[in-house]
Amino acid sequence: MENFYARFFLFSAFDILFLYISCWMLKHLVHKFPEQLIPLYSVTMSILLALIWIDVENITPGYYYLFEIGIMHGFGVIGINQLYKQTIKYIKYRKGLKILKEIKKSKRVS
């Protein structure tokens, strides 16, 4: 059973990495694809990958397990992406405030 968990962990890591890279490529290389549909793409692709994994592993819980894995990994990738985007926005915002403060300070001195 421990070997199953190791394979599941590797599958999960591969699934999330694949989804993140494919969503990034979809957003930056396919300009006609609507950005609002990327979450739907992520969940759908994760469900398909989970279906393939369930078939390869001969897992008996079946479709419930498939949707649980697919939906969680799909939304996990979206969450990772948003965490990155929000962190970068916050860093830029703080840097902008610092620059603005320095500009205001230099204008008072003049």
C-alpha atoms as a PDB file:
ATOM      1  CA  MET A   1       0.000   0.000   0.000  1.00  0.00           C
ATOM      2  CA  GLU A   2       2.904   2.389   0.681  1.00  0.00           C
ATOM      3  CA  ASN A   3       4.040   1.981  -2.894  1.00  0.00           C
ATOM      4  CA  PHE A   4       0.581   3.160  -3.999  1.00  0.00           C
ATOM      5  CA  TYR A   5       0.957   6.368  -2.001  1.00  0.00           C
ATOM      6  CA  ALA A   6       4.364   7.041  -3.520  1.00  0.00           C
ATOM      7  CA  ARG A   7       2.924   6.563  -7.020  1.00  0.00           C
ATOM      8  CA  PHE A   8      -0.045   8.767  -6.116  1.00  0.00           C
ATOM      9  CA  PHE A   9       2.295  11.496  -4.871  1.00  0.00           C
ATOM     10  CA  LEU A  10       4.347  11.319  -8.084  1.00  0.00           C
ATOM     11  CA  PHE A  11       1.178  11.394 -10.183  1.00  0.00           C
ATOM     12  CA  SER A  12      -0.094  14.412  -8.249  1.00  0.00           C
ATOM     13  CA  ALA A  13       3.193  16.278  -8.673  1.00  0.00           C
ATOM     14  CA  PHE A  14       3.287  15.478 -12.404  1.00  0.00           C
ATOM     15  CA  ASP A  15      -0.379  16.430 -12.840  1.00  0.00           C
ATOM     16  CA  ILE A  16       0.011  19.797 -11.148  1.00  0.00           C
ATOM     17  CA  LEU A  17       3.251  20.582 -12.971  1.00  0.00           C
ATOM     18  CA  PHE A  18       1.762  19.563 -16.338  1.00  0.00           C
ATOM     19  CA  LEU A  19      -1.366  21.623 -15.731  1.00  0.00           C
ATOM     20  CA  TYR A  20       0.564  24.699 -14.646  1.00  0.00           C
ATOM     21  CA  ILE A  21       2.857  24.588 -17.679  1.00  0.00           C
ATOM     22  CA  SER A  22       0.033  23.845 -20.129  1.00  0.00           C
ATOM     23  CA  CYS A  23      -2.147  26.658 -18.733  1.00  0.00           C
ATOM     24  CA  TRP A  24       0.781  29.069 -18.961  1.00  0.00           C
ATOM     25  CA  MET A  25       1.466  28.010 -22.555  1.00  0.00           C
ATOM     26  CA  LEU A  26      -2.217  28.269 -23.424  1.00  0.00           C
ATOM     27  CA  LYS A  27      -2.391  31.800 -22.047  1.00  0.00           C
ATOM     28  CA  HIS A  28       0.817  33.064 -23.653  1.00  0.00           C
ATOM     29  CA  LEU A  29       0.947  31.151 -26.940  1.00  0.00           C
ATOM     30  CA  VAL A  30      -2.709  30.809 -27.952  1.00  0.00           C
ATOM     31  CA  HIS A  31      -3.869  34.414 -27.938  1.00  0.00           C
ATOM     32  CA  LYS A  32      -7.394  33.650 -29.189  1.00  0.00           C
ATOM     33  CA  PHE A  33      -8.170  31.332 -26.256  1.00  0.00           C
ATOM     34  CA  PRO A  34     -10.292  33.279 -23.712  1.00  0.00           C
ATOM     35  CA  GLU A  35      -8.446  33.691 -20.433  1.00  0.00           C
ATOM     36  CA  GLN A  36     -11.673  33.124 -18.496  1.00  0.00           C
ATOM     37  CA  LEU A  37     -11.819  29.517 -19.777  1.00  0.00           C
ATOM     38  CA  ILE A  38      -8.390  28.544 -18.413  1.00  0.00           C
ATOM     39  CA  PRO A  39      -9.870  27.272 -15.088  1.00  0.00           C
ATOM     40  CA  LEU A  40     -12.315  25.088 -17.025  1.00  0.00           C
ATOM     41  CA  TYR A  41      -9.452  23.799 -19.186  1.00  0.00           C
ATOM     42  CA  SER A  42      -7.386  23.071 -16.065  1.00  0.00           C
ATOM     43  CA  VAL A  43     -10.120  21.063 -14.352  1.00  0.00           C
ATOM     44  CA  THR A  44     -11.023  19.183 -17.552  1.00  0.00           C
ATOM     45  CA  MET A  45      -7.415  18.227 -18.306  1.00  0.00           C
ATOM     46  CA  SER A  46      -6.868  17.133 -14.709  1.00  0.00           C
ATOM     47  CA  ILE A  47      -9.953  14.917 -14.851  1.00  0.00           C
ATOM     48  CA  LEU A  48      -8.686  13.353 -18.086  1.00  0.00           C
ATOM     49  CA  LEU A  49      -5.240  12.739 -16.580  1.00  0.00           C
ATOM     50  CA  ALA A  50      -6.855  11.218 -13.485  1.00  0.00           C
ATOM     51  CA  LEU A  51      -8.960   8.966 -15.733  1.00  0.00           C
ATOM     52  CA  ILE A  52      -5.812   7.707 -17.435  1.00  0.00           C
ATOM     53  CA  TRP A  53      -4.112   7.182 -14.060  1.00  0.00           C
ATOM     54  CA  ILE A  54      -7.104   5.283 -12.648  1.00  0.00           C
ATOM     55  CA  ASP A  55      -7.128   3.048 -15.716  1.00  0.00           C
ATOM     56  CA  VAL A  56      -3.383   2.358 -15.441  1.00  0.00           C
ATOM     57  CA  GLU A  57      -3.509   1.699 -11.678  1.00  0.00           C
ATOM     58  CA  ASN A  58      -6.771  -0.341 -11.811  1.00  0.00           C
ATOM     59  CA  ILE A  59      -8.281   1.669  -8.959  1.00  0.00           C
ATOM     60  CA  THR A  60     -11.731   0.419  -7.963  1.00  0.00           C
ATOM     61  CA  PRO A  61     -13.395   3.557  -6.470  1.00  0.00           C
ATOM     62  CA  GLY A  62     -13.758   4.776 -10.050  1.00  0.00           C
ATOM     63  CA  TYR A  63     -15.433   7.955 -11.127  1.00  0.00           C
ATOM     64  CA  TYR A  64     -15.922   9.564  -7.719  1.00  0.00           C
ATOM     65  CA  TYR A  65     -12.189   9.270  -7.158  1.00  0.00           C
ATOM     66  CA  LEU A  66     -11.563  10.568 -10.658  1.00  0.00           C
ATOM     67  CA  PHE A  67     -13.597  13.726 -10.142  1.00  0.00           C
ATOM     68  CA  GLU A  68     -12.144  14.327  -6.692  1.00  0.00           C
ATOM     69  CA  ILE A  69      -8.591  14.132  -7.999  1.00  0.00           C
ATOM     70  CA  GLY A  70      -9.350  16.069 -11.174  1.00  0.00           C
ATOM     71  CA  ILE A  71     -11.206  18.903  -9.546  1.00  0.00           C
ATOM     72  CA  MET A  72      -8.755  19.289  -6.653  1.00  0.00           C
ATOM     73  CA  HIS A  73      -5.684  19.303  -8.897  1.00  0.00           C
ATOM     74  CA  GLY A  74      -7.342  21.599 -11.432  1.00  0.00           C
ATOM     75  CA  PHE A  75      -8.314  24.145  -8.811  1.00  0.00           C
ATOM     76  CA  GLY A  76      -4.968  23.644  -7.068  1.00  0.00           C
ATOM     77  CA  VAL A  77      -3.165  24.814 -10.192  1.00  0.00           C
ATOM     78  CA  ILE A  78      -5.414  27.856 -10.406  1.00  0.00           C
ATOM     79  CA  GLY A  79      -4.667  28.601  -6.749  1.00  0.00           C
ATOM     80  CA  ILE A  80      -0.902  28.303  -7.286  1.00  0.00           C
ATOM     81  CA  ASN A  81      -1.158  30.653 -10.252  1.00  0.00           C
ATOM     82  CA  GLN A  82      -3.188  33.192  -8.274  1.00  0.00           C
ATOM     83  CA  LEU A  83      -0.781  32.998  -5.341  1.00  0.00           C
ATOM     84  CA  TYR A  84       2.083  33.843  -7.696  1.00  0.00           C
ATOM     85  CA  LYS A  85       0.171  36.655  -9.437  1.00  0.00           C
ATOM     86  CA  GLN A  86      -1.062  38.233  -6.203  1.00  0.00           C
ATOM     87  CA  THR A  87       2.409  38.090  -4.623  1.00  0.00           C
ATOM     88  CA  ILE A  88       3.998  39.793  -7.650  1.00  0.00           C
ATOM     89  CA  LYS A  89       1.260  42.462  -7.656  1.00  0.00           C
ATOM     90  CA  TYR A  90       1.825  43.121  -3.960  1.00  0.00           C
ATOM     91  CA  ILE A  91       5.590  43.437  -4.416  1.00  0.00           C
ATOM     92  CA  LYS A  92       5.106  45.858  -7.323  1.00  0.00           C
ATOM     93  CA  TYR A  93       2.543  47.825  -5.311  1.00  0.00           C
ATOM     94  CA  ARG A  94       4.901  48.179  -2.336  1.00  0.00           C
ATOM     95  CA  LYS A  95       7.770  49.165  -4.649  1.00  0.00           C
ATOM     96  CA  GLY A  96       5.525  51.742  -6.332  1.00  0.00           C
ATOM     97  CA  LEU A  97       4.522  53.217  -2.974  1.00  0.00           C
ATOM     98  CA  LYS A  98       8.169  53.503  -1.983  1.00  0.00           C
ATOM     99  CA  ILE A  99       9.042  55.289  -5.233  1.00  0.00           C
ATOM    100  CA  LEU A 100       6.033  57.594  -4.855  1.00  0.00           C
ATOM    101  CA  LYS A 101       7.072  58.443  -1.309  1.00  0.00           C
ATOM    102  CA  GLU A 102      10.605  59.277  -2.514  1.00  0.00           C
ATOM    103  CA  ILE A 103       9.206  61.507  -5.294  1.00  0.00           C
ATOM    104  CA  LYS A 104       6.992  63.399  -2.836  1.00  0.00           C
ATOM    105  CA  LYS A 105       9.912  63.786  -0.449  1.00  0.00           C
ATOM    106  CA  SER A 106      12.213  65.144  -3.166  1.00  0.00           C
ATOM    107  CA  LYS A 107       9.603  67.701  -4.308  1.00  0.00           C
ATOM    108  CA  ARG A 108       9.235  69.125  -0.782  1.00  0.00           C
ATOM    109  CA  VAL A 109      12.961  69.707  -0.494  1.00  0.00           C
ATOM    110  CA  SER A 110      13.202  71.575  -3.808  1.00  0.00           C
END
